[in-house]
Structure formats: structure tokens, C-alpha cells
PDB file of all heavy atoms in Angstrom:
ATOM      1  N   MET A   1     -14.439 -12.170   8.870  1.00  0.00           N
ATOM      2  CA  MET A   1     -14.219 -11.168   9.884  1.00  0.00           C
ATOM      3  C   MET A   1     -14.974  -9.878   9.565  1.00  0.00           C
ATOM      4  O   MET A   1     -15.572  -9.283  10.429  1.00  0.00           O
ATOM      5  CB  MET A   1     -12.727 -10.917  10.010  1.00  0.00           C
ATOM      6  CG  MET A   1     -12.369  -9.935  11.073  1.00  0.00           C
ATOM      7  SD  MET A   1     -10.577  -9.908  11.284  1.00  0.00           S
ATOM      8  CE  MET A   1     -10.484  -8.694  12.538  1.00  0.00           C
ATOM      9  N   TYR A   2     -14.922  -9.424   8.298  1.00  0.00           N
ATOM     10  CA  TYR A   2     -15.621  -8.221   7.903  1.00  0.00           C
ATOM     11  C   TYR A   2     -16.725  -8.590   6.926  1.00  0.00           C
ATOM     12  O   TYR A   2     -16.557  -9.434   6.069  1.00  0.00           O
ATOM     13  CB  TYR A   2     -14.672  -7.224   7.219  1.00  0.00           C
ATOM     14  CG  TYR A   2     -13.561  -6.761   8.109  1.00  0.00           C
ATOM     15  CD1 TYR A   2     -12.283  -7.278   7.994  1.00  0.00           C
ATOM     16  CD2 TYR A   2     -13.807  -5.814   9.084  1.00  0.00           C
ATOM     17  CE1 TYR A   2     -11.263  -6.843   8.820  1.00  0.00           C
ATOM     18  CE2 TYR A   2     -12.794  -5.373   9.916  1.00  0.00           C
ATOM     19  CZ  TYR A   2     -11.530  -5.899   9.782  1.00  0.00           C
ATOM     20  OH  TYR A   2     -10.531  -5.477  10.599  1.00  0.00           O
ATOM     21  N   LYS A   3     -17.853  -7.910   7.058  1.00  0.00           N
ATOM     22  CA  LYS A   3     -18.954  -8.151   6.141  1.00  0.00           C
ATOM     23  C   LYS A   3     -18.737  -7.405   4.831  1.00  0.00           C
ATOM     24  O   LYS A   3     -19.144  -7.848   3.782  1.00  0.00           O
ATOM     25  CB  LYS A   3     -20.270  -7.716   6.783  1.00  0.00           C
ATOM     26  CG  LYS A   3     -20.655  -8.570   7.959  1.00  0.00           C
ATOM     27  CD  LYS A   3     -21.935  -8.088   8.577  1.00  0.00           C
ATOM     28  CE  LYS A   3     -22.259  -8.932   9.794  1.00  0.00           C
ATOM     29  NZ  LYS A   3     -23.433  -8.468  10.475  1.00  0.00           N
ATOM     30  N   THR A   4     -18.082  -6.251   4.893  1.00  0.00           N
ATOM     31  CA  THR A   4     -17.849  -5.433   3.715  1.00  0.00           C
ATOM     32  C   THR A   4     -16.578  -5.888   3.021  1.00  0.00           C
ATOM     33  O   THR A   4     -15.536  -6.022   3.640  1.00  0.00           O
ATOM     34  CB  THR A   4     -17.712  -3.946   4.113  1.00  0.00           C
ATOM     35  OG1 THR A   4     -18.852  -3.579   4.873  1.00  0.00           O
ATOM     36  CG2 THR A   4     -17.606  -3.077   2.896  1.00  0.00           C
ATOM     37  N   ASN A   5     -16.669  -6.117   1.720  1.00  0.00           N
ATOM     38  CA  ASN A   5     -15.502  -6.517   0.944  1.00  0.00           C
ATOM     39  C   ASN A   5     -14.832  -5.258   0.395  1.00  0.00           C
ATOM     40  O   ASN A   5     -15.500  -4.357  -0.090  1.00  0.00           O
ATOM     41  CB  ASN A   5     -15.934  -7.443  -0.197  1.00  0.00           C
ATOM     42  CG  ASN A   5     -14.784  -8.246  -0.729  1.00  0.00           C
ATOM     43  OD1 ASN A   5     -13.694  -8.237  -0.177  1.00  0.00           O
ATOM     44  ND2 ASN A   5     -15.026  -8.938  -1.817  1.00  0.00           N
ATOM     45  N   VAL A   6     -13.522  -5.194   0.486  1.00  0.00           N
ATOM     46  CA  VAL A   6     -12.769  -4.033   0.007  1.00  0.00           C
ATOM     47  C   VAL A   6     -11.976  -4.452  -1.219  1.00  0.00           C
ATOM     48  O   VAL A   6     -11.254  -5.447  -1.190  1.00  0.00           O
ATOM     49  CB  VAL A   6     -11.814  -3.497   1.100  1.00  0.00           C
ATOM     50  CG1 VAL A   6     -10.935  -2.395   0.548  1.00  0.00           C
ATOM     51  CG2 VAL A   6     -12.603  -3.007   2.299  1.00  0.00           C
ATOM     52  N   ASP A   7     -12.116  -3.675  -2.303  1.00  0.00           N
ATOM     53  CA  ASP A   7     -11.350  -3.929  -3.520  1.00  0.00           C
ATOM     54  C   ASP A   7     -10.018  -3.198  -3.398  1.00  0.00           C
ATOM     55  O   ASP A   7      -9.927  -1.997  -3.655  1.00  0.00           O
ATOM     56  CB  ASP A   7     -12.133  -3.443  -4.737  1.00  0.00           C
ATOM     57  CG  ASP A   7     -11.363  -3.622  -6.031  1.00  0.00           C
ATOM     58  OD1 ASP A   7     -10.361  -4.382  -6.048  1.00  0.00           O
ATOM     59  OD2 ASP A   7     -11.760  -2.996  -7.035  1.00  0.00           O
ATOM     60  N   PHE A   8      -8.989  -3.926  -2.981  1.00  0.00           N
ATOM     61  CA  PHE A   8      -7.678  -3.316  -2.787  1.00  0.00           C
ATOM     62  C   PHE A   8      -7.074  -2.821  -4.094  1.00  0.00           C
ATOM     63  O   PHE A   8      -6.256  -1.901  -4.078  1.00  0.00           O
ATOM     64  CB  PHE A   8      -6.729  -4.308  -2.105  1.00  0.00           C
ATOM     65  CG  PHE A   8      -6.858  -4.325  -0.598  1.00  0.00           C
ATOM     66  CD1 PHE A   8      -7.903  -4.975   0.015  1.00  0.00           C
ATOM     67  CD2 PHE A   8      -5.934  -3.671   0.186  1.00  0.00           C
ATOM     68  CE1 PHE A   8      -8.028  -4.991   1.385  1.00  0.00           C
ATOM     69  CE2 PHE A   8      -6.037  -3.670   1.566  1.00  0.00           C
ATOM     70  CZ  PHE A   8      -7.094  -4.332   2.170  1.00  0.00           C
ATOM     71  N   SER A   9      -7.470  -3.398  -5.219  1.00  0.00           N
ATOM     72  CA  SER A   9      -6.866  -2.996  -6.496  1.00  0.00           C
ATOM     73  C   SER A   9      -7.226  -1.560  -6.873  1.00  0.00           C
ATOM     74  O   SER A   9      -6.500  -0.914  -7.619  1.00  0.00           O
ATOM     75  CB  SER A   9      -7.280  -3.951  -7.613  1.00  0.00           C
ATOM     76  OG  SER A   9      -8.665  -3.835  -7.875  1.00  0.00           O
ATOM     77  N   GLY A  10      -8.308  -1.048  -6.355  1.00  0.00           N
ATOM     78  CA  GLY A  10      -8.729   0.311  -6.678  1.00  0.00           C
ATOM     79  C   GLY A  10      -8.258   1.363  -5.679  1.00  0.00           C
ATOM     80  O   GLY A  10      -8.502   2.547  -5.880  1.00  0.00           O
ATOM     81  N   LEU A  11      -7.591   0.937  -4.620  1.00  0.00           N
ATOM     82  CA  LEU A  11      -7.163   1.892  -3.595  1.00  0.00           C
ATOM     83  C   LEU A  11      -5.952   2.708  -4.044  1.00  0.00           C
ATOM     84  O   LEU A  11      -5.076   2.214  -4.733  1.00  0.00           O
ATOM     85  CB  LEU A  11      -6.804   1.159  -2.300  1.00  0.00           C
ATOM     86  CG  LEU A  11      -7.933   0.448  -1.570  1.00  0.00           C
ATOM     87  CD1 LEU A  11      -7.409  -0.208  -0.299  1.00  0.00           C
ATOM     88  CD2 LEU A  11      -9.078   1.399  -1.246  1.00  0.00           C
ATOM     89  N   ARG A  12      -5.936   3.961  -3.614  1.00  0.00           N
ATOM     90  CA  ARG A  12      -4.795   4.853  -3.836  1.00  0.00           C
ATOM     91  C   ARG A  12      -4.229   5.161  -2.453  1.00  0.00           C
ATOM     92  O   ARG A  12      -4.917   5.759  -1.633  1.00  0.00           O
ATOM     93  CB  ARG A  12      -5.236   6.126  -4.542  1.00  0.00           C
ATOM     94  CG  ARG A  12      -5.826   5.862  -5.929  1.00  0.00           C
ATOM     95  CD  ARG A  12      -6.276   7.145  -6.607  1.00  0.00           C
ATOM     96  NE  ARG A  12      -5.239   8.149  -6.698  1.00  0.00           N
ATOM     97  CZ  ARG A  12      -4.293   8.188  -7.651  1.00  0.00           C
ATOM     98  NH1 ARG A  12      -4.290   7.278  -8.592  1.00  0.00           N
ATOM     99  NH2 ARG A  12      -3.392   9.147  -7.671  1.00  0.00           N
ATOM    100  N   ILE A  13      -2.989   4.744  -2.211  1.00  0.00           N
ATOM    101  CA  ILE A  13      -2.388   4.868  -0.886  1.00  0.00           C
ATOM    102  C   ILE A  13      -1.089   5.663  -0.961  1.00  0.00           C
ATOM    103  O   ILE A  13      -0.256   5.419  -1.834  1.00  0.00           O
ATOM    104  CB  ILE A  13      -2.152   3.478  -0.261  1.00  0.00           C
ATOM    105  CG1 ILE A  13      -3.495   2.770  -0.077  1.00  0.00           C
ATOM    106  CG2 ILE A  13      -1.405   3.594   1.068  1.00  0.00           C
ATOM    107  CD1 ILE A  13      -3.425   1.397   0.543  1.00  0.00           C
ATOM    108  N   LEU A  14      -0.933   6.583  -0.019  1.00  0.00           N
ATOM    109  CA  LEU A  14       0.293   7.353   0.123  1.00  0.00           C
ATOM    110  C   LEU A  14       1.083   6.775   1.291  1.00  0.00           C
ATOM    111  O   LEU A  14       0.563   6.656   2.399  1.00  0.00           O
ATOM    112  CB  LEU A  14      -0.025   8.829   0.389  1.00  0.00           C
ATOM    113  CG  LEU A  14       1.169   9.737   0.696  1.00  0.00           C
ATOM    114  CD1 LEU A  14       2.141   9.797  -0.475  1.00  0.00           C
ATOM    115  CD2 LEU A  14       0.680  11.138   1.079  1.00  0.00           C
ATOM    116  N   VAL A  15       2.329   6.393   1.042  1.00  0.00           N
ATOM    117  CA  VAL A  15       3.226   5.881   2.077  1.00  0.00           C
ATOM    118  C   VAL A  15       4.235   6.982   2.395  1.00  0.00           C
ATOM    119  O   VAL A  15       4.994   7.402   1.521  1.00  0.00           O
ATOM    120  CB  VAL A  15       3.958   4.598   1.608  1.00  0.00           C
ATOM    121  CG1 VAL A  15       4.981   4.157   2.643  1.00  0.00           C
ATOM    122  CG2 VAL A  15       2.959   3.488   1.319  1.00  0.00           C
ATOM    123  N   VAL A  16       4.237   7.439   3.649  1.00  0.00           N
ATOM    124  CA  VAL A  16       5.156   8.484   4.081  1.00  0.00           C
ATOM    125  C   VAL A  16       6.115   7.845   5.086  1.00  0.00           C
ATOM    126  O   VAL A  16       5.771   7.608   6.236  1.00  0.00           O
ATOM    127  CB  VAL A  16       4.408   9.668   4.732  1.00  0.00           C
ATOM    128  CG1 VAL A  16       5.383  10.797   5.037  1.00  0.00           C
ATOM    129  CG2 VAL A  16       3.270  10.150   3.840  1.00  0.00           C
ATOM    130  N   GLU A  17       7.310   7.534   4.611  1.00  0.00           N
ATOM    131  CA  GLU A  17       8.312   6.796   5.406  1.00  0.00           C
ATOM    132  C   GLU A  17       9.689   7.311   5.038  1.00  0.00           C
ATOM    133  O   GLU A  17      10.041   7.337   3.861  1.00  0.00           O
ATOM    134  CB  GLU A  17       8.193   5.302   5.116  1.00  0.00           C
ATOM    135  CG  GLU A  17       9.278   4.436   5.658  1.00  0.00           C
ATOM    136  CD  GLU A  17       9.391   4.444   7.172  1.00  0.00           C
ATOM    137  OE1 GLU A  17       8.422   4.064   7.841  1.00  0.00           O
ATOM    138  OE2 GLU A  17      10.460   4.838   7.663  1.00  0.00           O
ATOM    139  N   ASN A  18      10.480   7.725   6.039  1.00  0.00           N
ATOM    140  CA  ASN A  18      11.785   8.300   5.738  1.00  0.00           C
ATOM    141  C   ASN A  18      12.874   7.255   5.496  1.00  0.00           C
ATOM    142  O   ASN A  18      13.910   7.577   4.940  1.00  0.00           O
ATOM    143  CB  ASN A  18      12.222   9.294   6.823  1.00  0.00           C
ATOM    144  CG  ASN A  18      12.424   8.634   8.168  1.00  0.00           C
ATOM    145  OD1 ASN A  18      11.916   7.558   8.419  1.00  0.00           O
ATOM    146  ND2 ASN A  18      13.136   9.303   9.036  1.00  0.00           N
ATOM    147  N   HIS A  19      12.662   6.021   5.880  1.00  0.00           N
ATOM    148  CA  HIS A  19      13.624   4.954   5.599  1.00  0.00           C
ATOM    149  C   HIS A  19      13.227   4.272   4.289  1.00  0.00           C
ATOM    150  O   HIS A  19      12.148   3.670   4.205  1.00  0.00           O
ATOM    151  CB  HIS A  19      13.679   3.937   6.736  1.00  0.00           C
ATOM    152  CG  HIS A  19      14.297   4.495   7.967  1.00  0.00           C
ATOM    153  ND1 HIS A  19      13.549   5.099   8.949  1.00  0.00           N
ATOM    154  CD2 HIS A  19      15.588   4.569   8.362  1.00  0.00           C
ATOM    155  CE1 HIS A  19      14.346   5.504   9.904  1.00  0.00           C
ATOM    156  NE2 HIS A  19      15.597   5.201   9.571  1.00  0.00           N
ATOM    157  N   GLU A  20      14.081   4.368   3.302  1.00  0.00           N
ATOM    158  CA  GLU A  20      13.757   3.850   1.964  1.00  0.00           C
ATOM    159  C   GLU A  20      13.415   2.364   1.976  1.00  0.00           C
ATOM    160  O   GLU A  20      12.460   1.932   1.337  1.00  0.00           O
ATOM    161  CB  GLU A  20      14.921   4.108   1.009  1.00  0.00           C
ATOM    162  CG  GLU A  20      14.575   3.754  -0.426  1.00  0.00           C
ATOM    163  CD  GLU A  20      15.707   4.069  -1.381  1.00  0.00           C
ATOM    164  OE1 GLU A  20      16.550   4.920  -1.070  1.00  0.00           O
ATOM    165  OE2 GLU A  20      15.720   3.451  -2.456  1.00  0.00           O
ATOM    166  N   LEU A  21      14.173   1.566   2.724  1.00  0.00           N
ATOM    167  CA  LEU A  21      13.926   0.129   2.767  1.00  0.00           C
ATOM    168  C   LEU A  21      12.546  -0.179   3.353  1.00  0.00           C
ATOM    169  O   LEU A  21      11.807  -1.002   2.816  1.00  0.00           O
ATOM    170  CB  LEU A  21      15.013  -0.581   3.575  1.00  0.00           C
ATOM    171  CG  LEU A  21      14.900  -2.098   3.666  1.00  0.00           C
ATOM    172  CD1 LEU A  21      14.956  -2.728   2.288  1.00  0.00           C
ATOM    173  CD2 LEU A  21      16.000  -2.663   4.547  1.00  0.00           C
ATOM    174  N   MET A  22      12.180   0.500   4.431  1.00  0.00           N
ATOM    175  CA  MET A  22      10.858   0.280   5.040  1.00  0.00           C
ATOM    176  C   MET A  22       9.756   0.732   4.086  1.00  0.00           C
ATOM    177  O   MET A  22       8.716   0.091   3.977  1.00  0.00           O
ATOM    178  CB  MET A  22      10.765   1.023   6.372  1.00  0.00           C
ATOM    179  CG  MET A  22       9.499   0.755   7.129  1.00  0.00           C
ATOM    180  SD  MET A  22       9.422  -0.974   7.615  1.00  0.00           S
ATOM    181  CE  MET A  22       7.753  -1.065   8.190  1.00  0.00           C
ATOM    182  N   GLY A  23       9.972   1.827   3.389  1.00  0.00           N
ATOM    183  CA  GLY A  23       8.990   2.299   2.411  1.00  0.00           C
ATOM    184  C   GLY A  23       8.770   1.283   1.305  1.00  0.00           C
ATOM    185  O   GLY A  23       7.638   0.997   0.913  1.00  0.00           O
ATOM    186  N   ARG A  24       9.881   0.695   0.802  1.00  0.00           N
ATOM    187  CA  ARG A  24       9.757  -0.331  -0.244  1.00  0.00           C
ATOM    188  C   ARG A  24       9.055  -1.575   0.288  1.00  0.00           C
ATOM    189  O   ARG A  24       8.248  -2.182  -0.415  1.00  0.00           O
ATOM    190  CB  ARG A  24      11.121  -0.697  -0.803  1.00  0.00           C
ATOM    191  CG  ARG A  24      11.617   0.330  -1.813  1.00  0.00           C
ATOM    192  CD  ARG A  24      12.823  -0.167  -2.556  1.00  0.00           C
ATOM    193  NE  ARG A  24      13.949  -0.167  -1.602  1.00  0.00           N
ATOM    194  CZ  ARG A  24      15.085  -0.789  -1.790  1.00  0.00           C
ATOM    195  NH1 ARG A  24      15.291  -1.487  -2.874  1.00  0.00           N
ATOM    196  NH2 ARG A  24      16.051  -0.717  -0.893  1.00  0.00           N
ATOM    197  N   LEU A  25       9.361  -1.959   1.538  1.00  0.00           N
ATOM    198  CA  LEU A  25       8.717  -3.121   2.142  1.00  0.00           C
ATOM    199  C   LEU A  25       7.211  -2.914   2.266  1.00  0.00           C
ATOM    200  O   LEU A  25       6.421  -3.800   1.923  1.00  0.00           O
ATOM    201  CB  LEU A  25       9.326  -3.400   3.523  1.00  0.00           C
ATOM    202  CG  LEU A  25       8.735  -4.567   4.300  1.00  0.00           C
ATOM    203  CD1 LEU A  25       8.962  -5.870   3.562  1.00  0.00           C
ATOM    204  CD2 LEU A  25       9.331  -4.624   5.696  1.00  0.00           C
ATOM    205  N   LEU A  26       6.809  -1.738   2.720  1.00  0.00           N
ATOM    206  CA  LEU A  26       5.379  -1.426   2.810  1.00  0.00           C
ATOM    207  C   LEU A  26       4.730  -1.458   1.423  1.00  0.00           C
ATOM    208  O   LEU A  26       3.625  -1.984   1.248  1.00  0.00           O
ATOM    209  CB  LEU A  26       5.165  -0.059   3.460  1.00  0.00           C
ATOM    210  CG  LEU A  26       5.442   0.019   4.960  1.00  0.00           C
ATOM    211  CD1 LEU A  26       5.530   1.473   5.409  1.00  0.00           C
ATOM    212  CD2 LEU A  26       4.386  -0.733   5.740  1.00  0.00           C
ATOM    213  N   GLY A  27       5.423  -0.902   0.437  1.00  0.00           N
ATOM    214  CA  GLY A  27       4.905  -0.916  -0.930  1.00  0.00           C
ATOM    215  C   GLY A  27       4.730  -2.332  -1.459  1.00  0.00           C
ATOM    216  O   GLY A  27       3.730  -2.640  -2.115  1.00  0.00           O
ATOM    217  N   GLU A  28       5.694  -3.209  -1.177  1.00  0.00           N
ATOM    218  CA  GLU A  28       5.585  -4.609  -1.624  1.00  0.00           C
ATOM    219  C   GLU A  28       4.417  -5.319  -0.935  1.00  0.00           C
ATOM    220  O   GLU A  28       3.705  -6.111  -1.552  1.00  0.00           O
ATOM    221  CB  GLU A  28       6.891  -5.362  -1.371  1.00  0.00           C
ATOM    222  CG  GLU A  28       8.017  -4.943  -2.305  1.00  0.00           C
ATOM    223  CD  GLU A  28       7.665  -5.122  -3.773  1.00  0.00           C
ATOM    224  OE1 GLU A  28       7.106  -6.171  -4.149  1.00  0.00           O
ATOM    225  OE2 GLU A  28       7.940  -4.192  -4.556  1.00  0.00           O
ATOM    226  N   MET A  29       4.222  -5.042   0.345  1.00  0.00           N
ATOM    227  CA  MET A  29       3.069  -5.631   1.047  1.00  0.00           C
ATOM    228  C   MET A  29       1.773  -5.160   0.415  1.00  0.00           C
ATOM    229  O   MET A  29       0.873  -5.959   0.168  1.00  0.00           O
ATOM    230  CB  MET A  29       3.092  -5.249   2.531  1.00  0.00           C
ATOM    231  CG  MET A  29       4.081  -5.995   3.368  1.00  0.00           C
ATOM    232  SD  MET A  29       3.768  -5.604   5.114  1.00  0.00           S
ATOM    233  CE  MET A  29       5.422  -5.424   5.718  1.00  0.00           C
ATOM    234  N   LEU A  30       1.680  -3.859   0.140  1.00  0.00           N
ATOM    235  CA  LEU A  30       0.473  -3.308  -0.465  1.00  0.00           C
ATOM    236  C   LEU A  30       0.220  -3.917  -1.837  1.00  0.00           C
ATOM    237  O   LEU A  30      -0.913  -4.269  -2.179  1.00  0.00           O
ATOM    238  CB  LEU A  30       0.567  -1.786  -0.561  1.00  0.00           C
ATOM    239  CG  LEU A  30       0.560  -1.047   0.781  1.00  0.00           C
ATOM    240  CD1 LEU A  30       0.920   0.429   0.580  1.00  0.00           C
ATOM    241  CD2 LEU A  30      -0.773  -1.193   1.481  1.00  0.00           C
ATOM    242  N   ARG A  31       1.266  -4.067  -2.627  1.00  0.00           N
ATOM    243  CA  ARG A  31       1.102  -4.703  -3.943  1.00  0.00           C
ATOM    244  C   ARG A  31       0.665  -6.159  -3.783  1.00  0.00           C
ATOM    245  O   ARG A  31      -0.113  -6.661  -4.578  1.00  0.00           O
ATOM    246  CB  ARG A  31       2.388  -4.589  -4.750  1.00  0.00           C
ATOM    247  CG  ARG A  31       2.516  -3.233  -5.438  1.00  0.00           C
ATOM    248  CD  ARG A  31       3.678  -3.180  -6.407  1.00  0.00           C
ATOM    249  NE  ARG A  31       4.937  -2.779  -5.802  1.00  0.00           N
ATOM    250  CZ  ARG A  31       5.196  -1.583  -5.319  1.00  0.00           C
ATOM    251  NH1 ARG A  31       4.272  -0.653  -5.345  1.00  0.00           N
ATOM    252  NH2 ARG A  31       6.373  -1.283  -4.810  1.00  0.00           N
ATOM    253  N   GLY A  32       1.161  -6.810  -2.747  1.00  0.00           N
ATOM    254  CA  GLY A  32       0.733  -8.181  -2.464  1.00  0.00           C
ATOM    255  C   GLY A  32      -0.753  -8.269  -2.138  1.00  0.00           C
ATOM    256  O   GLY A  32      -1.394  -9.289  -2.389  1.00  0.00           O
ATOM    257  N   PHE A  33      -1.305  -7.196  -1.571  1.00  0.00           N
ATOM    258  CA  PHE A  33      -2.751  -7.157  -1.283  1.00  0.00           C
ATOM    259  C   PHE A  33      -3.561  -6.812  -2.522  1.00  0.00           C
ATOM    260  O   PHE A  33      -4.783  -6.860  -2.503  1.00  0.00           O
ATOM    261  CB  PHE A  33      -3.087  -6.112  -0.212  1.00  0.00           C
ATOM    262  CG  PHE A  33      -2.313  -6.211   1.064  1.00  0.00           C
ATOM    263  CD1 PHE A  33      -2.101  -5.087   1.838  1.00  0.00           C
ATOM    264  CD2 PHE A  33      -1.789  -7.419   1.512  1.00  0.00           C
ATOM    265  CE1 PHE A  33      -1.391  -5.149   3.021  1.00  0.00           C
ATOM    266  CE2 PHE A  33      -1.074  -7.493   2.694  1.00  0.00           C
ATOM    267  CZ  PHE A  33      -0.877  -6.355   3.448  1.00  0.00           C
ATOM    268  N   GLY A  34      -2.879  -6.396  -3.598  1.00  0.00           N
ATOM    269  CA  GLY A  34      -3.562  -6.026  -4.835  1.00  0.00           C
ATOM    270  C   GLY A  34      -3.582  -4.541  -5.109  1.00  0.00           C
ATOM    271  O   GLY A  34      -4.111  -4.106  -6.136  1.00  0.00           O
ATOM    272  N   VAL A  35      -3.028  -3.716  -4.228  1.00  0.00           N
ATOM    273  CA  VAL A  35      -3.025  -2.261  -4.430  1.00  0.00           C
ATOM    274  C   VAL A  35      -2.127  -1.935  -5.618  1.00  0.00           C
ATOM    275  O   VAL A  35      -0.983  -2.369  -5.683  1.00  0.00           O
ATOM    276  CB  VAL A  35      -2.523  -1.522  -3.159  1.00  0.00           C
ATOM    277  CG1 VAL A  35      -2.487  -0.015  -3.402  1.00  0.00           C
ATOM    278  CG2 VAL A  35      -3.403  -1.847  -1.966  1.00  0.00           C
ATOM    279  N   ARG A  36      -2.673  -1.176  -6.572  1.00  0.00           N
ATOM    280  CA  ARG A  36      -1.908  -0.829  -7.773  1.00  0.00           C
ATOM    281  C   ARG A  36      -1.392   0.603  -7.766  1.00  0.00           C
ATOM    282  O   ARG A  36      -0.505   0.942  -8.521  1.00  0.00           O
ATOM    283  CB  ARG A  36      -2.765  -1.051  -9.010  1.00  0.00           C
ATOM    284  CG  ARG A  36      -3.070  -2.532  -9.239  1.00  0.00           C
ATOM    285  CD  ARG A  36      -3.828  -2.731 -10.499  1.00  0.00           C
ATOM    286  NE  ARG A  36      -5.121  -2.036 -10.394  1.00  0.00           N
ATOM    287  CZ  ARG A  36      -6.142  -2.223 -11.190  1.00  0.00           C
ATOM    288  NH1 ARG A  36      -6.032  -3.059 -12.200  1.00  0.00           N
ATOM    289  NH2 ARG A  36      -7.264  -1.583 -11.028  1.00  0.00           N
ATOM    290  N   HIS A  37      -1.976   1.453  -6.909  1.00  0.00           N
ATOM    291  CA  HIS A  37      -1.612   2.872  -6.897  1.00  0.00           C
ATOM    292  C   HIS A  37      -0.987   3.237  -5.545  1.00  0.00           C
ATOM    293  O   HIS A  37      -1.708   3.515  -4.587  1.00  0.00           O
ATOM    294  CB  HIS A  37      -2.838   3.755  -7.149  1.00  0.00           C
ATOM    295  CG  HIS A  37      -3.575   3.397  -8.402  1.00  0.00           C
ATOM    296  ND1 HIS A  37      -3.094   3.715  -9.654  1.00  0.00           N
ATOM    297  CD2 HIS A  37      -4.732   2.736  -8.596  1.00  0.00           C
ATOM    298  CE1 HIS A  37      -3.936   3.266 -10.563  1.00  0.00           C
ATOM    299  NE2 HIS A  37      -4.938   2.661  -9.953  1.00  0.00           N
ATOM    300  N   VAL A  38       0.339   3.222  -5.501  1.00  0.00           N
ATOM    301  CA  VAL A  38       1.068   3.578  -4.279  1.00  0.00           C
ATOM    302  C   VAL A  38       1.997   4.740  -4.608  1.00  0.00           C
ATOM    303  O   VAL A  38       2.748   4.679  -5.572  1.00  0.00           O
ATOM    304  CB  VAL A  38       1.894   2.379  -3.734  1.00  0.00           C
ATOM    305  CG1 VAL A  38       2.640   2.783  -2.466  1.00  0.00           C
ATOM    306  CG2 VAL A  38       1.002   1.175  -3.472  1.00  0.00           C
ATOM    307  N   ARG A  39       1.923   5.790  -3.823  1.00  0.00           N
ATOM    308  CA  ARG A  39       2.838   6.931  -3.940  1.00  0.00           C
ATOM    309  C   ARG A  39       3.695   6.967  -2.691  1.00  0.00           C
ATOM    310  O   ARG A  39       3.260   6.540  -1.624  1.00  0.00           O
ATOM    311  CB  ARG A  39       2.065   8.252  -4.042  1.00  0.00           C
ATOM    312  CG  ARG A  39       1.214   8.391  -5.268  1.00  0.00           C
ATOM    313  CD  ARG A  39       2.078   8.860  -6.427  1.00  0.00           C
ATOM    314  NE  ARG A  39       1.286   8.958  -7.618  1.00  0.00           N
ATOM    315  CZ  ARG A  39       1.082  10.071  -8.276  1.00  0.00           C
ATOM    316  NH1 ARG A  39       1.625  11.191  -7.866  1.00  0.00           N
ATOM    317  NH2 ARG A  39       0.348  10.072  -9.360  1.00  0.00           N
ATOM    318  N   TYR A  40       4.910   7.516  -2.822  1.00  0.00           N
ATOM    319  CA  TYR A  40       5.846   7.555  -1.709  1.00  0.00           C
ATOM    320  C   TYR A  40       6.305   8.974  -1.434  1.00  0.00           C
ATOM    321  O   TYR A  40       6.481   9.764  -2.363  1.00  0.00           O
ATOM    322  CB  TYR A  40       7.095   6.717  -2.022  1.00  0.00           C
ATOM    323  CG  TYR A  40       6.804   5.264  -2.275  1.00  0.00           C
ATOM    324  CD1 TYR A  40       6.597   4.798  -3.568  1.00  0.00           C
ATOM    325  CD2 TYR A  40       6.736   4.362  -1.223  1.00  0.00           C
ATOM    326  CE1 TYR A  40       6.323   3.461  -3.814  1.00  0.00           C
ATOM    327  CE2 TYR A  40       6.470   3.012  -1.460  1.00  0.00           C
ATOM    328  CZ  TYR A  40       6.261   2.579  -2.753  1.00  0.00           C
ATOM    329  OH  TYR A  40       5.986   1.256  -2.986  1.00  0.00           O
ATOM    330  N   ALA A  41       6.504   9.257  -0.149  1.00  0.00           N
ATOM    331  CA  ALA A  41       7.139  10.504   0.280  1.00  0.00           C
ATOM    332  C   ALA A  41       8.070  10.147   1.423  1.00  0.00           C
ATOM    333  O   ALA A  41       7.797   9.234   2.201  1.00  0.00           O
ATOM    334  CB  ALA A  41       6.088  11.511   0.734  1.00  0.00           C
ATOM    335  N   HIS A  42       9.207  10.871   1.506  1.00  0.00           N
ATOM    336  CA  HIS A  42      10.204  10.573   2.534  1.00  0.00           C
ATOM    337  C   HIS A  42      10.213  11.587   3.665  1.00  0.00           C
ATOM    338  O   HIS A  42      10.912  11.400   4.657  1.00  0.00           O
ATOM    339  CB  HIS A  42      11.598  10.497   1.902  1.00  0.00           C
ATOM    340  CG  HIS A  42      11.676   9.444   0.840  1.00  0.00           C
ATOM    341  ND1 HIS A  42      11.616   8.107   1.129  1.00  0.00           N
ATOM    342  CD2 HIS A  42      11.777   9.526  -0.508  1.00  0.00           C
ATOM    343  CE1 HIS A  42      11.691   7.414   0.014  1.00  0.00           C
ATOM    344  NE2 HIS A  42      11.781   8.256  -0.998  1.00  0.00           N
TER     345      HIS A  42
END
């Protein structure tokens, strides 16, 4: 689908979600993609 390959393990992502459960779910999905650097704010 995409010609450019993205290294998810090197990405730094900020998740801003006020519901703790949804924030954790998003974090687990990101870790499943290989993202190692996830920060959270509520």
C-alpha cells in the first residue's frame, strides 16, 4: 500500500486521552505496532 517503510520502533508518540482505559488500549495497540516510546496525558 505504501512505498515508504516506517520504523515504528523509533517513533515517539504522545497519547492525549482523558479515559484511562482508552489511553491504555491505544498504548497497547502502539506497542503491538512496535512503538517503544509512548507518553500519556489526560
